[in-house]
């Protein structure tokens, strides 16, 4: 509890604009499993801007909307993945509130093998010019990581065919 309060105070005094997205290959299910974390208040600002609704509360939306629907639509516009140069369908499984962050879960099915993964991620860059979106990819090798920003919103990760 005290740690959360101190962390919240730190963020208020010295704001940090960051998201972390982890993409891991699951050999057993032949799928890419994606976990993404972003501060709830930052995500809310992004969704408000996207929907042009400055008073929107993403944790308690009105007018028949759900948090899942709002987050899923935001992710669909701001996180895109290509495997071997081809766009893939991402299945948004859900999200959960974890302290001051929103954790979202996504899966890409039927990935038997790949040579490249291209990740486009421009979360919150329309709001904050200092936004950093960290992306970590694990596919049959050590983790590969990149920091995406407003100026550089995508990266291609290349893997050898071992």
N, C-alpha and C. Protein backbone atom coordinates (compact mmCIF):
# COMPACT_ATOMS: atom_id res chain seq x y z
N UNK A 1 0.82 -1.20 0.00
CA UNK A 1 0.00 0.00 0.00
C UNK A 1 0.86 1.25 0.00
N UNK A 2 1.84 1.30 0.91
CA UNK A 2 2.71 2.47 0.99
C UNK A 2 3.52 2.59 -0.30
N UNK A 3 3.99 1.45 -0.83
CA UNK A 3 4.74 1.47 -2.08
C UNK A 3 3.91 2.07 -3.20
N UNK A 4 2.64 1.68 -3.29
CA UNK A 4 1.76 2.22 -4.34
C UNK A 4 1.57 3.73 -4.18
N UNK A 5 1.41 4.18 -2.94
CA UNK A 5 1.26 5.62 -2.70
C UNK A 5 2.52 6.39 -3.07
N UNK A 6 3.68 5.86 -2.69
CA UNK A 6 4.94 6.52 -3.04
C UNK A 6 5.14 6.54 -4.55
N UNK A 7 4.84 5.42 -5.20
CA UNK A 7 4.98 5.32 -6.65
C UNK A 7 4.04 6.31 -7.34
N UNK A 8 2.81 6.41 -6.87
CA UNK A 8 1.85 7.36 -7.42
C UNK A 8 2.33 8.78 -7.22
N UNK A 9 2.87 9.07 -6.04
CA UNK A 9 3.39 10.41 -5.77
C UNK A 9 4.55 10.72 -6.71
N UNK A 10 5.45 9.76 -6.90
CA UNK A 10 6.59 9.93 -7.81
C UNK A 10 6.10 10.26 -9.21
N UNK A 11 5.10 9.54 -9.67
CA UNK A 11 4.57 9.79 -11.01
C UNK A 11 3.93 11.16 -11.12
N UNK A 12 3.29 11.61 -10.04
CA UNK A 12 2.67 12.92 -10.05
C UNK A 12 3.74 14.00 -10.09
N UNK A 13 4.81 13.82 -9.31
CA UNK A 13 5.88 14.81 -9.25
C UNK A 13 6.71 14.78 -10.53
N UNK A 14 7.01 13.59 -11.00
CA UNK A 14 7.85 13.44 -12.19
C UNK A 14 7.19 12.44 -13.13
N UNK A 15 6.27 12.90 -13.97
CA UNK A 15 5.53 11.96 -14.81
C UNK A 15 6.44 11.18 -15.77
N UNK A 16 6.07 9.94 -15.95
CA UNK A 16 6.77 9.09 -16.91
C UNK A 16 5.71 8.55 -17.86
N UNK A 17 6.01 8.55 -19.12
CA UNK A 17 5.06 8.10 -20.14
C UNK A 17 5.66 6.88 -20.83
N UNK A 18 5.16 5.71 -20.44
CA UNK A 18 5.77 4.47 -20.92
C UNK A 18 4.73 3.36 -21.01
N UNK A 19 4.93 2.48 -21.96
CA UNK A 19 4.18 1.22 -22.02
C UNK A 19 5.19 0.11 -22.24
N UNK A 20 4.81 -1.10 -21.85
CA UNK A 20 5.67 -2.26 -22.07
C UNK A 20 4.82 -3.35 -22.71
N UNK A 21 5.27 -3.83 -23.86
CA UNK A 21 4.57 -4.89 -24.57
C UNK A 21 5.52 -6.06 -24.75
N UNK A 22 5.09 -7.23 -24.29
CA UNK A 22 5.90 -8.44 -24.41
C UNK A 22 5.22 -9.40 -25.38
N UNK A 23 5.99 -9.87 -26.36
CA UNK A 23 5.49 -10.80 -27.36
C UNK A 23 6.32 -12.07 -27.24
N UNK A 24 5.65 -13.18 -26.93
CA UNK A 24 6.35 -14.45 -26.72
C UNK A 24 5.74 -15.53 -27.59
N UNK A 25 6.61 -16.33 -28.19
CA UNK A 25 6.14 -17.44 -29.00
C UNK A 25 5.89 -18.64 -28.10
N UNK A 26 4.72 -19.24 -28.25
CA UNK A 26 4.36 -20.45 -27.51
C UNK A 26 4.45 -21.62 -28.48
N UNK A 27 5.50 -22.41 -28.34
CA UNK A 27 5.76 -23.54 -29.24
C UNK A 27 4.61 -24.55 -29.21
N UNK A 28 4.08 -24.81 -28.02
CA UNK A 28 3.03 -25.82 -27.88
C UNK A 28 1.76 -25.43 -28.63
N UNK A 29 1.32 -24.19 -28.48
CA UNK A 29 0.07 -23.77 -29.13
C UNK A 29 0.31 -23.13 -30.50
N UNK A 30 1.57 -22.99 -30.89
CA UNK A 30 1.92 -22.35 -32.18
C UNK A 30 1.27 -20.97 -32.28
N UNK A 31 1.48 -20.18 -31.25
CA UNK A 31 0.87 -18.85 -31.22
C UNK A 31 1.83 -17.82 -30.62
N UNK A 32 1.57 -16.57 -30.93
CA UNK A 32 2.27 -15.47 -30.28
C UNK A 32 1.35 -14.96 -29.18
N UNK A 33 1.87 -14.87 -27.99
CA UNK A 33 1.08 -14.39 -26.86
C UNK A 33 1.63 -13.02 -26.46
N UNK A 34 0.74 -12.06 -26.40
CA UNK A 34 1.13 -10.68 -26.18
C UNK A 34 0.53 -10.19 -24.86
N UNK A 35 1.37 -9.60 -24.05
CA UNK A 35 0.94 -8.96 -22.81
C UNK A 35 1.42 -7.52 -22.88
N UNK A 36 0.52 -6.58 -22.66
CA UNK A 36 0.87 -5.17 -22.76
C UNK A 36 0.42 -4.43 -21.51
N UNK A 37 1.31 -3.59 -20.99
CA UNK A 37 1.02 -2.81 -19.79
C UNK A 37 1.15 -1.33 -20.09
N UNK A 38 0.17 -0.57 -19.61
CA UNK A 38 0.19 0.88 -19.81
C UNK A 38 -0.53 1.52 -18.63
N UNK A 39 -0.09 2.69 -18.21
CA UNK A 39 -0.75 3.38 -17.11
C UNK A 39 -2.19 3.70 -17.51
N UNK A 40 -3.12 3.45 -16.59
CA UNK A 40 -4.54 3.64 -16.88
C UNK A 40 -4.84 5.08 -17.27
N UNK A 41 -4.28 6.04 -16.55
CA UNK A 41 -4.59 7.44 -16.87
C UNK A 41 -4.10 7.83 -18.26
N UNK A 42 -2.96 7.28 -18.68
CA UNK A 42 -2.44 7.57 -20.02
C UNK A 42 -3.31 6.90 -21.08
N UNK A 43 -3.69 5.66 -20.83
CA UNK A 43 -4.57 4.95 -21.77
C UNK A 43 -5.89 5.68 -21.91
N UNK A 44 -6.40 6.16 -20.79
CA UNK A 44 -7.66 6.90 -20.82
C UNK A 44 -7.54 8.17 -21.67
N UNK A 45 -6.42 8.88 -21.54
CA UNK A 45 -6.20 10.07 -22.38
C UNK A 45 -6.18 9.70 -23.86
N UNK A 46 -5.52 8.59 -24.18
CA UNK A 46 -5.46 8.15 -25.57
C UNK A 46 -6.83 7.77 -26.12
N UNK A 47 -7.61 7.06 -25.32
CA UNK A 47 -8.96 6.65 -25.75
C UNK A 47 -9.87 7.87 -25.87
N UNK A 48 -9.74 8.80 -24.94
CA UNK A 48 -10.54 10.04 -25.02
C UNK A 48 -10.23 10.79 -26.31
N UNK A 49 -8.94 10.89 -26.65
CA UNK A 49 -8.54 11.59 -27.88
C UNK A 49 -9.07 10.85 -29.11
N UNK A 50 -8.94 9.53 -29.11
CA UNK A 50 -9.40 8.72 -30.23
C UNK A 50 -10.90 8.88 -30.46
N UNK A 51 -11.67 8.89 -29.38
CA UNK A 51 -13.13 8.96 -29.46
C UNK A 51 -13.68 10.38 -29.42
N UNK A 52 -12.77 11.35 -29.16
CA UNK A 52 -13.18 12.76 -29.04
C UNK A 52 -14.24 12.93 -27.95
N UNK A 53 -13.99 12.27 -26.80
CA UNK A 53 -14.87 12.33 -25.63
C UNK A 53 -14.03 12.70 -24.41
N UNK A 54 -13.86 14.00 -24.14
CA UNK A 54 -12.95 14.44 -23.07
C UNK A 54 -13.35 14.03 -21.65
N UNK A 55 -14.58 13.62 -21.44
CA UNK A 55 -15.02 13.25 -20.09
C UNK A 55 -15.11 11.73 -19.88
N UNK A 56 -14.72 10.95 -20.84
CA UNK A 56 -14.86 9.49 -20.79
C UNK A 56 -14.07 8.88 -19.62
N UNK A 57 -14.71 7.98 -18.90
CA UNK A 57 -14.07 7.21 -17.84
C UNK A 57 -13.98 5.78 -18.34
N UNK A 58 -12.76 5.31 -18.64
CA UNK A 58 -12.65 3.98 -19.25
C UNK A 58 -12.93 2.84 -18.26
N UNK A 59 -12.83 3.11 -16.96
CA UNK A 59 -13.11 2.07 -15.98
C UNK A 59 -14.60 1.93 -15.69
N UNK A 60 -15.35 3.01 -15.93
CA UNK A 60 -16.80 2.99 -15.76
C UNK A 60 -17.46 3.73 -16.92
N UNK A 61 -17.34 3.17 -18.12
CA UNK A 61 -17.92 3.87 -19.29
C UNK A 61 -19.44 3.83 -19.28
N UNK A 62 -20.01 4.80 -19.95
CA UNK A 62 -21.47 4.89 -20.05
C UNK A 62 -21.90 4.61 -21.49
N UNK A 63 -23.18 4.77 -21.75
CA UNK A 63 -23.75 4.61 -23.10
C UNK A 63 -23.52 3.22 -23.68
N UNK A 64 -23.58 2.20 -22.83
CA UNK A 64 -23.49 0.83 -23.32
C UNK A 64 -22.09 0.35 -23.68
N UNK A 65 -21.09 1.19 -23.50
CA UNK A 65 -19.71 0.79 -23.81
C UNK A 65 -19.15 -0.03 -22.65
N UNK A 66 -18.14 -0.86 -22.94
CA UNK A 66 -17.44 -1.60 -21.90
C UNK A 66 -15.96 -1.22 -21.94
N UNK A 67 -15.31 -1.41 -20.82
CA UNK A 67 -13.86 -1.16 -20.78
C UNK A 67 -13.16 -2.01 -21.81
N UNK A 68 -13.54 -3.28 -21.91
CA UNK A 68 -12.90 -4.18 -22.87
C UNK A 68 -13.05 -3.65 -24.30
N UNK A 69 -14.24 -3.21 -24.65
CA UNK A 69 -14.48 -2.70 -26.00
C UNK A 69 -13.63 -1.44 -26.28
N UNK A 70 -13.56 -0.54 -25.32
CA UNK A 70 -12.78 0.68 -25.49
C UNK A 70 -11.29 0.37 -25.66
N UNK A 71 -10.77 -0.51 -24.80
CA UNK A 71 -9.35 -0.86 -24.86
C UNK A 71 -9.05 -1.62 -26.14
N UNK A 72 -9.91 -2.56 -26.49
CA UNK A 72 -9.72 -3.35 -27.72
C UNK A 72 -9.67 -2.45 -28.94
N UNK A 73 -10.57 -1.47 -29.04
CA UNK A 73 -10.59 -0.56 -30.19
C UNK A 73 -9.35 0.32 -30.24
N UNK A 74 -8.88 0.75 -29.06
CA UNK A 74 -7.66 1.56 -29.03
C UNK A 74 -6.46 0.73 -29.50
N UNK A 75 -6.37 -0.49 -28.99
CA UNK A 75 -5.26 -1.37 -29.39
C UNK A 75 -5.30 -1.67 -30.88
N UNK A 76 -6.48 -1.89 -31.41
CA UNK A 76 -6.60 -2.20 -32.84
C UNK A 76 -6.05 -1.06 -33.71
N UNK A 77 -6.18 0.16 -33.24
CA UNK A 77 -5.69 1.31 -34.00
C UNK A 77 -4.21 1.60 -33.76
N UNK A 78 -3.69 1.19 -32.61
CA UNK A 78 -2.34 1.63 -32.22
C UNK A 78 -1.31 0.52 -32.06
N UNK A 79 -1.69 -0.74 -32.20
CA UNK A 79 -0.76 -1.86 -32.15
C UNK A 79 -1.05 -2.76 -33.34
N UNK A 80 -0.07 -2.87 -34.23
CA UNK A 80 -0.25 -3.71 -35.42
C UNK A 80 0.99 -4.58 -35.58
N UNK A 81 0.75 -5.82 -36.01
CA UNK A 81 1.86 -6.77 -36.16
C UNK A 81 1.79 -7.41 -37.54
N UNK A 82 2.96 -7.53 -38.14
CA UNK A 82 3.10 -8.27 -39.40
C UNK A 82 4.09 -9.40 -39.16
N UNK A 83 3.76 -10.56 -39.70
CA UNK A 83 4.67 -11.69 -39.66
C UNK A 83 5.11 -11.96 -41.09
N UNK A 84 6.43 -11.95 -41.28
CA UNK A 84 7.02 -12.12 -42.61
C UNK A 84 6.39 -11.16 -43.62
N UNK A 85 6.16 -9.93 -43.19
CA UNK A 85 5.66 -8.88 -44.06
C UNK A 85 4.16 -8.84 -44.26
N UNK A 86 3.43 -9.79 -43.65
CA UNK A 86 1.98 -9.85 -43.84
C UNK A 86 1.25 -9.49 -42.54
N UNK A 87 0.25 -8.60 -42.63
CA UNK A 87 -0.54 -8.28 -41.43
C UNK A 87 -1.24 -9.54 -40.91
N UNK A 88 -1.33 -9.64 -39.59
CA UNK A 88 -1.98 -10.80 -38.98
C UNK A 88 -3.16 -10.36 -38.13
N UNK A 89 -4.07 -11.28 -37.93
CA UNK A 89 -5.24 -11.03 -37.09
C UNK A 89 -4.84 -11.22 -35.63
N UNK A 90 -5.15 -10.22 -34.83
CA UNK A 90 -4.86 -10.30 -33.40
C UNK A 90 -6.17 -10.50 -32.65
N UNK A 91 -6.18 -11.48 -31.78
CA UNK A 91 -7.36 -11.77 -30.96
C UNK A 91 -7.18 -11.10 -29.60
N UNK A 92 -7.98 -10.07 -29.35
CA UNK A 92 -7.92 -9.39 -28.07
C UNK A 92 -8.68 -10.23 -27.05
N UNK A 93 -7.94 -10.81 -26.10
CA UNK A 93 -8.53 -11.74 -25.15
C UNK A 93 -9.17 -11.03 -23.96
N UNK A 94 -8.60 -9.90 -23.56
CA UNK A 94 -9.15 -9.19 -22.42
C UNK A 94 -8.11 -8.31 -21.77
N UNK A 95 -8.53 -7.69 -20.68
CA UNK A 95 -7.65 -6.79 -19.95
C UNK A 95 -8.03 -6.84 -18.49
N UNK A 96 -7.10 -6.38 -17.64
CA UNK A 96 -7.38 -6.28 -16.22
C UNK A 96 -6.61 -5.12 -15.63
N UNK A 97 -7.23 -4.54 -14.61
CA UNK A 97 -6.59 -3.45 -13.88
C UNK A 97 -5.60 -4.05 -12.90
N UNK A 98 -4.38 -3.54 -12.90
CA UNK A 98 -3.35 -4.01 -11.98
C UNK A 98 -2.69 -2.77 -11.38
N UNK A 99 -3.08 -2.42 -10.16
CA UNK A 99 -2.63 -1.19 -9.50
C UNK A 99 -2.99 0.01 -10.37
N UNK A 100 -2.00 0.74 -10.85
CA UNK A 100 -2.25 1.94 -11.67
C UNK A 100 -2.09 1.66 -13.16
N UNK A 101 -1.98 0.37 -13.50
CA UNK A 101 -1.79 -0.02 -14.89
C UNK A 101 -2.96 -0.84 -15.41
N UNK A 102 -3.09 -0.85 -16.73
CA UNK A 102 -4.02 -1.74 -17.41
C UNK A 102 -3.16 -2.78 -18.13
N UNK A 103 -3.44 -4.03 -17.88
CA UNK A 103 -2.73 -5.12 -18.53
C UNK A 103 -3.68 -5.75 -19.54
N UNK A 104 -3.23 -5.83 -20.79
CA UNK A 104 -4.07 -6.39 -21.85
C UNK A 104 -3.41 -7.65 -22.41
N UNK A 105 -4.28 -8.59 -22.85
CA UNK A 105 -3.81 -9.88 -23.35
C UNK A 105 -4.33 -10.08 -24.77
N UNK A 106 -3.41 -10.44 -25.66
CA UNK A 106 -3.73 -10.61 -27.08
C UNK A 106 -3.04 -11.89 -27.55
N UNK A 107 -3.64 -12.56 -28.52
CA UNK A 107 -3.03 -13.77 -29.07
C UNK A 107 -3.11 -13.74 -30.59
N UNK A 108 -2.05 -14.23 -31.21
CA UNK A 108 -2.03 -14.44 -32.66
C UNK A 108 -1.85 -15.94 -32.87
N UNK A 109 -2.86 -16.55 -33.46
CA UNK A 109 -2.87 -18.00 -33.61
C UNK A 109 -2.24 -18.44 -34.93
N UNK A 110 -1.97 -19.76 -35.02
CA UNK A 110 -1.47 -20.42 -36.23
C UNK A 110 -0.16 -19.82 -36.74
N UNK A 111 0.80 -19.69 -35.84
CA UNK A 111 2.13 -19.21 -36.22
C UNK A 111 3.07 -20.41 -36.12
N UNK A 112 3.28 -21.08 -37.25
CA UNK A 112 4.11 -22.27 -37.23
C UNK A 112 5.59 -21.93 -37.19
N UNK A 113 5.98 -20.93 -37.95
CA UNK A 113 7.36 -20.44 -37.96
C UNK A 113 7.35 -19.03 -38.53
N UNK A 114 8.43 -18.34 -38.32
CA UNK A 114 8.52 -16.99 -38.87
C UNK A 114 9.97 -16.58 -39.01
N UNK A 115 10.19 -15.61 -39.89
CA UNK A 115 11.52 -15.04 -40.08
C UNK A 115 11.58 -13.63 -39.53
N UNK A 116 10.45 -12.91 -39.67
CA UNK A 116 10.42 -11.54 -39.16
C UNK A 116 9.09 -11.25 -38.46
N UNK A 117 9.18 -10.37 -37.48
CA UNK A 117 7.99 -9.81 -36.83
C UNK A 117 8.17 -8.30 -36.91
N UNK A 118 7.21 -7.64 -37.52
CA UNK A 118 7.22 -6.18 -37.54
C UNK A 118 6.17 -5.70 -36.55
N UNK A 119 6.58 -4.84 -35.63
CA UNK A 119 5.69 -4.32 -34.61
C UNK A 119 5.54 -2.82 -34.79
N UNK A 120 4.30 -2.38 -34.94
CA UNK A 120 3.95 -0.96 -34.95
C UNK A 120 3.25 -0.68 -33.64
N UNK A 121 3.75 0.31 -32.89
CA UNK A 121 3.14 0.66 -31.61
C UNK A 121 3.29 2.16 -31.41
N UNK A 122 2.18 2.88 -31.50
CA UNK A 122 2.23 4.33 -31.25
C UNK A 122 1.31 4.74 -30.11
N UNK A 123 1.22 3.85 -29.07
CA UNK A 123 0.41 4.17 -27.90
C UNK A 123 0.76 5.57 -27.38
N UNK A 124 -0.22 6.38 -27.18
CA UNK A 124 -0.17 7.66 -26.49
C UNK A 124 0.77 8.68 -27.13
N UNK A 125 1.39 8.38 -28.26
CA UNK A 125 2.30 9.35 -28.88
C UNK A 125 1.53 10.56 -29.40
N UNK A 126 0.22 10.43 -29.57
CA UNK A 126 -0.58 11.57 -29.99
C UNK A 126 -0.80 12.54 -28.83
N UNK A 127 -0.52 12.08 -27.61
CA UNK A 127 -0.71 12.89 -26.41
C UNK A 127 0.62 13.43 -25.89
N UNK A 128 1.60 12.54 -25.75
CA UNK A 128 2.88 12.91 -25.15
C UNK A 128 4.03 12.71 -26.14
N UNK A 129 4.79 13.77 -26.37
CA UNK A 129 5.91 13.63 -27.30
C UNK A 129 7.08 12.85 -26.70
N UNK A 130 7.08 12.64 -25.38
CA UNK A 130 8.14 11.87 -24.74
C UNK A 130 7.71 10.42 -24.41
N UNK A 131 6.61 9.97 -25.00
CA UNK A 131 6.13 8.61 -24.76
C UNK A 131 7.14 7.59 -25.27
N UNK A 132 7.42 6.58 -24.47
CA UNK A 132 8.26 5.45 -24.86
C UNK A 132 7.43 4.19 -24.80
N UNK A 133 7.47 3.41 -25.86
CA UNK A 133 6.76 2.14 -25.92
C UNK A 133 7.81 1.05 -26.06
N UNK A 134 8.07 0.36 -24.98
CA UNK A 134 9.07 -0.71 -24.99
C UNK A 134 8.43 -1.99 -25.49
N UNK A 135 9.12 -2.66 -26.41
CA UNK A 135 8.62 -3.90 -26.97
C UNK A 135 9.71 -4.96 -26.81
N UNK A 136 9.33 -6.10 -26.22
CA UNK A 136 10.24 -7.23 -26.02
C UNK A 136 9.66 -8.42 -26.79
N UNK A 137 10.49 -9.04 -27.64
CA UNK A 137 10.04 -10.17 -28.44
C UNK A 137 10.91 -11.38 -28.12
N UNK A 138 10.25 -12.51 -27.81
CA UNK A 138 10.96 -13.76 -27.58
C UNK A 138 10.45 -14.78 -28.58
N UNK A 139 11.38 -15.24 -29.44
CA UNK A 139 11.03 -16.28 -30.41
C UNK A 139 12.26 -17.18 -30.58
N UNK A 140 12.25 -18.34 -29.95
CA UNK A 140 13.32 -19.34 -30.08
C UNK A 140 14.72 -18.75 -29.95
N UNK A 141 14.86 -17.72 -29.17
CA UNK A 141 16.17 -17.08 -29.02
C UNK A 141 16.11 -16.14 -27.83
N UNK A 142 17.22 -15.51 -27.54
CA UNK A 142 17.16 -14.51 -26.47
C UNK A 142 16.15 -13.40 -26.81
N UNK A 143 15.75 -12.69 -25.79
CA UNK A 143 14.79 -11.60 -25.97
C UNK A 143 15.43 -10.49 -26.80
N UNK A 144 14.64 -9.98 -27.75
CA UNK A 144 15.05 -8.81 -28.52
C UNK A 144 14.13 -7.67 -28.10
N UNK A 145 14.71 -6.49 -27.91
CA UNK A 145 13.94 -5.36 -27.39
C UNK A 145 14.18 -4.10 -28.21
N UNK A 146 13.18 -3.21 -28.15
CA UNK A 146 13.30 -1.91 -28.82
C UNK A 146 12.47 -0.90 -28.05
N UNK A 147 12.87 0.34 -28.16
CA UNK A 147 12.10 1.46 -27.61
C UNK A 147 11.51 2.23 -28.78
N UNK A 148 10.18 2.23 -28.88
CA UNK A 148 9.51 2.96 -29.94
C UNK A 148 9.04 4.30 -29.39
N UNK A 149 9.08 5.32 -30.25
CA UNK A 149 8.73 6.69 -29.85
C UNK A 149 7.85 7.32 -30.91
N UNK A 150 7.51 8.57 -30.71
CA UNK A 150 6.72 9.30 -31.71
C UNK A 150 7.45 9.32 -33.06
N UNK A 151 8.76 9.45 -33.02
CA UNK A 151 9.55 9.52 -34.26
C UNK A 151 9.76 8.15 -34.90
N UNK A 152 9.83 7.11 -34.08
CA UNK A 152 10.06 5.75 -34.58
C UNK A 152 8.98 4.85 -33.99
N UNK A 153 7.94 4.58 -34.78
CA UNK A 153 6.78 3.85 -34.26
C UNK A 153 6.77 2.36 -34.61
N UNK A 154 7.77 1.91 -35.37
CA UNK A 154 7.77 0.48 -35.70
C UNK A 154 9.21 -0.05 -35.79
N UNK A 155 9.28 -1.37 -35.68
CA UNK A 155 10.57 -2.05 -35.74
C UNK A 155 10.34 -3.43 -36.34
N UNK A 156 11.32 -3.89 -37.13
CA UNK A 156 11.28 -5.25 -37.67
C UNK A 156 12.32 -6.08 -36.91
N UNK A 157 11.86 -7.15 -36.31
CA UNK A 157 12.74 -8.09 -35.61
C UNK A 157 12.98 -9.27 -36.55
N UNK A 158 14.24 -9.62 -36.74
CA UNK A 158 14.60 -10.71 -37.66
C UNK A 158 15.17 -11.87 -36.86
N UNK A 159 14.73 -13.08 -37.24
CA UNK A 159 15.15 -14.29 -36.53
C UNK A 159 15.73 -15.27 -37.53
N UNK A 160 16.78 -15.98 -37.11
CA UNK A 160 17.36 -17.00 -37.97
C UNK A 160 16.47 -18.24 -37.94
N UNK A 161 16.54 -19.02 -38.98
CA UNK A 161 15.69 -20.23 -39.06
C UNK A 161 16.48 -21.43 -38.54
N UNK A 162 16.55 -21.55 -37.23
CA UNK A 162 17.27 -22.67 -36.60
C UNK A 162 16.37 -23.86 -36.48
